[in-house]
C-alpha atoms as a PDB file:
ATOM      1  CA  MET A   1     -30.341 -15.732 -79.079  1.00  0.00           C
ATOM      2  CA  ASN A   2     -27.965 -17.467 -81.461  1.00  0.00           C
ATOM      3  CA  TRP A   3     -25.443 -20.162 -80.550  1.00  0.00           C
ATOM      4  CA  LYS A   4     -22.549 -17.634 -80.255  1.00  0.00           C
ATOM      5  CA  HIS A   5     -24.378 -15.782 -77.507  1.00  0.00           C
ATOM      6  CA  GLY A   6     -25.055 -19.100 -75.794  1.00  0.00           C
ATOM      7  CA  LEU A   7     -21.339 -19.921 -75.813  1.00  0.00           C
ATOM      8  CA  MET A   8     -20.590 -16.583 -74.152  1.00  0.00           C
ATOM      9  CA  LEU A   9     -22.889 -17.560 -71.278  1.00  0.00           C
ATOM     10  CA  LEU A  10     -21.138 -20.866 -70.595  1.00  0.00           C
ATOM     11  CA  PRO A  11     -18.454 -19.397 -68.295  1.00  0.00           C
ATOM     12  CA  LEU A  12     -21.149 -17.658 -66.251  1.00  0.00           C
ATOM     13  CA  LEU A  13     -23.192 -20.823 -65.966  1.00  0.00           C
ATOM     14  CA  ALA A  14     -20.113 -22.809 -64.957  1.00  0.00           C
ATOM     15  CA  ALA A  15     -19.277 -20.245 -62.252  1.00  0.00           C
ATOM     16  CA  ALA A  16     -22.852 -20.339 -60.939  1.00  0.00           C
ATOM     17  CA  TYR A  17     -22.742 -24.138 -60.815  1.00  0.00           C
ATOM     18  CA  MET A  18     -19.418 -24.146 -58.932  1.00  0.00           C
ATOM     19  CA  VAL A  19     -20.642 -21.634 -56.346  1.00  0.00           C
ATOM     20  CA  GLY A  20     -23.917 -23.423 -55.682  1.00  0.00           C
ATOM     21  CA  CYS A  21     -27.496 -22.373 -55.151  1.00  0.00           C
ATOM     22  CA  GLY A  22     -27.925 -19.277 -53.038  1.00  0.00           C
ATOM     23  CA  GLN A  23     -24.237 -18.863 -52.203  1.00  0.00           C
ATOM     24  CA  THR A  24     -21.688 -16.386 -53.381  1.00  0.00           C
ATOM     25  CA  ALA A  25     -18.061 -17.247 -53.902  1.00  0.00           C
ATOM     26  CA  ASN A  26     -17.136 -15.346 -50.730  1.00  0.00           C
ATOM     27  CA  GLU A  27     -19.537 -17.153 -48.390  1.00  0.00           C
ATOM     28  CA  PRO A  28     -18.113 -19.919 -46.204  1.00  0.00           C
ATOM     29  CA  THR A  29     -19.408 -23.403 -46.860  1.00  0.00           C
ATOM     30  CA  GLN A  30     -18.953 -24.590 -43.274  1.00  0.00           C
ATOM     31  CA  THR A  31     -20.921 -23.665 -40.201  1.00  0.00           C
ATOM     32  CA  THR A  32     -19.143 -21.579 -37.596  1.00  0.00           C
ATOM     33  CA  GLN A  33     -18.807 -24.613 -35.330  1.00  0.00           C
ATOM     34  CA  GLU A  34     -17.376 -26.755 -38.121  1.00  0.00           C
ATOM     35  CA  ALA A  35     -14.930 -24.007 -39.017  1.00  0.00           C
ATOM     36  CA  ALA A  36     -13.808 -23.668 -35.414  1.00  0.00           C
ATOM     37  CA  HIS A  37     -13.174 -27.383 -35.172  1.00  0.00           C
ATOM     38  CA  THR A  38     -11.415 -27.496 -38.544  1.00  0.00           C
ATOM     39  CA  GLU A  39      -9.311 -24.488 -37.635  1.00  0.00           C
ATOM     40  CA  SER A  40      -8.299 -25.950 -34.300  1.00  0.00           C
ATOM     41  CA  SER A  41      -7.608 -29.472 -35.486  1.00  0.00           C
ATOM     42  CA  GLU A  42      -6.086 -28.968 -38.921  1.00  0.00           C
ATOM     43  CA  SER A  43      -4.099 -25.745 -38.823  1.00  0.00           C
ATOM     44  CA  ASN A  44      -2.517 -23.188 -36.573  1.00  0.00           C
ATOM     45  CA  THR A  45      -3.964 -20.177 -38.349  1.00  0.00           C
ATOM     46  CA  HIS A  46      -6.097 -18.027 -36.107  1.00  0.00           C
ATOM     47  CA  THR A  47      -8.917 -16.006 -37.551  1.00  0.00           C
ATOM     48  CA  HIS A  48     -10.827 -15.269 -34.294  1.00  0.00           C
ATOM     49  CA  ASP A  49     -14.124 -16.281 -35.909  1.00  0.00           C
ATOM     50  CA  GLY A  50     -14.270 -19.855 -34.711  1.00  0.00           C
ATOM     51  CA  TRP A  51     -15.408 -21.381 -31.449  1.00  0.00           C
ATOM     52  CA  TRP A  52     -11.945 -22.305 -30.122  1.00  0.00           C
ATOM     53  CA  CYS A  53      -8.894 -20.070 -29.691  1.00  0.00           C
ATOM     54  CA  VAL A  54      -6.114 -22.326 -30.936  1.00  0.00           C
ATOM     55  CA  GLU A  55      -3.408 -19.942 -29.750  1.00  0.00           C
ATOM     56  CA  HIS A  56      -4.507 -19.809 -26.130  1.00  0.00           C
ATOM     57  CA  GLY A  57      -6.530 -22.988 -25.523  1.00  0.00           C
ATOM     58  CA  VAL A  58      -9.860 -21.480 -24.482  1.00  0.00           C
ATOM     59  CA  PRO A  59     -13.171 -20.768 -26.220  1.00  0.00           C
ATOM     60  CA  GLU A  60     -12.754 -17.666 -28.382  1.00  0.00           C
ATOM     61  CA  GLU A  61     -15.600 -15.810 -26.648  1.00  0.00           C
ATOM     62  CA  GLN A  62     -13.724 -16.179 -23.338  1.00  0.00           C
ATOM     63  CA  CYS A  63     -10.194 -15.428 -24.565  1.00  0.00           C
ATOM     64  CA  GLY A  64      -8.822 -12.498 -22.610  1.00  0.00           C
ATOM     65  CA  GLN A  65      -5.637 -12.485 -24.665  1.00  0.00           C
ATOM     66  CA  CYS A  66      -7.335 -11.992 -28.018  1.00  0.00           C
ATOM     67  CA  SER A  67     -10.013  -9.506 -26.975  1.00  0.00           C
ATOM     68  CA  ALA A  68      -8.988  -6.143 -25.538  1.00  0.00           C
ATOM     69  CA  LYS A  69     -12.543  -5.704 -24.256  1.00  0.00           C
ATOM     70  CA  LEU A  70     -12.423  -9.006 -22.365  1.00  0.00           C
ATOM     71  CA  ALA A  71      -8.917  -8.234 -21.107  1.00  0.00           C
ATOM     72  CA  ALA A  72     -10.193  -4.967 -19.607  1.00  0.00           C
ATOM     73  CA  GLU A  73     -13.080  -6.815 -17.944  1.00  0.00           C
ATOM     74  CA  PHE A  74     -10.740  -9.430 -16.456  1.00  0.00           C
ATOM     75  CA  GLN A  75      -8.376  -6.697 -15.213  1.00  0.00           C
ATOM     76  CA  LYS A  76     -11.264  -4.728 -13.707  1.00  0.00           C
ATOM     77  CA  LYS A  77     -12.265  -7.841 -11.717  1.00  0.00           C
ATOM     78  CA  GLY A  78      -8.664  -8.324 -10.550  1.00  0.00           C
ATOM     79  CA  ASP A  79      -8.355 -11.498 -12.616  1.00  0.00           C
ATOM     80  CA  TRP A  80      -5.063 -10.735 -14.347  1.00  0.00           C
ATOM     81  CA  CYS A  81      -1.615 -12.341 -14.327  1.00  0.00           C
ATOM     82  CA  LYS A  82       0.732  -9.394 -14.769  1.00  0.00           C
ATOM     83  CA  GLU A  83       3.738 -11.665 -15.223  1.00  0.00           C
ATOM     84  CA  HIS A  84       2.250 -13.478 -18.237  1.00  0.00           C
ATOM     85  CA  ASP A  85      -0.152 -10.751 -19.478  1.00  0.00           C
ATOM     86  CA  ARG A  86      -3.323 -12.845 -19.462  1.00  0.00           C
ATOM     87  CA  PRO A  87      -6.291 -13.536 -17.193  1.00  0.00           C
ATOM     88  CA  GLU A  88      -5.166 -15.341 -14.048  1.00  0.00           C
ATOM     89  CA  SER A  89      -8.091 -17.722 -14.566  1.00  0.00           C
ATOM     90  CA  GLN A  90      -6.561 -18.636 -17.959  1.00  0.00           C
ATOM     91  CA  CYS A  91      -2.882 -18.599 -17.000  1.00  0.00           C
ATOM     92  CA  PHE A  92      -1.855 -22.168 -17.645  1.00  0.00           C
ATOM     93  CA  ILE A  93       1.753 -21.193 -16.900  1.00  0.00           C
ATOM     94  CA  CYS A  94       1.062 -20.306 -13.254  1.00  0.00           C
ATOM     95  CA  HIS A  95      -1.858 -22.723 -12.890  1.00  0.00           C
ATOM     96  CA  PRO A  96      -1.488 -25.722 -15.256  1.00  0.00           C
ATOM     97  CA  GLU A  97      -4.485 -27.352 -13.569  1.00  0.00           C
ATOM     98  CA  LEU A  98      -6.751 -24.714 -15.151  1.00  0.00           C
ATOM     99  CA  ALA A  99      -6.158 -26.232 -18.573  1.00  0.00           C
ATOM    100  CA  THR A 100      -8.246 -29.234 -17.484  1.00  0.00           C
ATOM    101  CA  LYS A 101     -11.375 -27.068 -17.260  1.00  0.00           C
ATOM    102  CA  PHE A 102     -11.003 -25.797 -20.816  1.00  0.00           C
ATOM    103  CA  THR A 103      -9.930 -29.174 -22.179  1.00  0.00           C
ATOM    104  CA  ALA A 104     -13.169 -30.626 -20.805  1.00  0.00           C
ATOM    105  CA  LEU A 105     -15.208 -27.997 -22.685  1.00  0.00           C
ATOM    106  CA  TYR A 106     -13.520 -28.902 -25.967  1.00  0.00           C
ATOM    107  CA  GLU A 107     -13.860 -32.635 -25.347  1.00  0.00           C
ATOM    108  CA  ALA A 108     -17.565 -32.264 -24.520  1.00  0.00           C
ATOM    109  CA  LYS A 109     -18.131 -30.470 -27.816  1.00  0.00           C
ATOM    110  CA  TYR A 110     -15.945 -32.566 -30.142  1.00  0.00           C
ATOM    111  CA  GLY A 111     -15.213 -35.819 -28.312  1.00  0.00           C
ATOM    112  CA  GLU A 112     -11.452 -35.428 -28.653  1.00  0.00           C
ATOM    113  CA  GLN A 113      -8.517 -33.612 -27.092  1.00  0.00           C
ATOM    114  CA  PRO A 114      -8.049 -29.981 -28.147  1.00  0.00           C
ATOM    115  CA  PRO A 115      -4.889 -28.940 -29.957  1.00  0.00           C
ATOM    116  CA  LYS A 116      -2.107 -27.719 -27.690  1.00  0.00           C
ATOM    117  CA  PRO A 117      -2.107 -23.928 -27.299  1.00  0.00           C
ATOM    118  CA  THR A 118       0.563 -22.275 -29.423  1.00  0.00           C
ATOM    119  CA  GLU A 119       1.280 -19.527 -26.888  1.00  0.00           C
END
C-alpha cells in the first residue's frame, strides 16, 4: 500500500476512534438507568425507554397513560379515573397524596426529588 492509499484510510480510522471499541455510532453510550435519570433531570423529552416517565411522574413500566396495554389492565381491574383518563392509583389530581409513593421510589433510586410531571 502506498502513502496515498494510507491517506484515504484516515477518515475511516478517525471515525472508528470516535465511535470507540465495539460500539457503533447508533448505540447509546449510557446505561438505561443513566439515560432515564438524565432524561428526567435534564430535559422534558420523553422517549419511553428510560426508567422514569417524566410526563406522568411514575416509573415507565407502571405508566398507565403511556402504555395502552397497561391502561387496559388498569381498566379491567376497575382502577381507572374516567374524569382524568388515567389509572385511579396514579391520579395525582384526585389523590395528590399518591404522588408521595412514586416520589419515594425515585428518591430511593437517585437520592433526589423527581422532576415535576408535565401532565
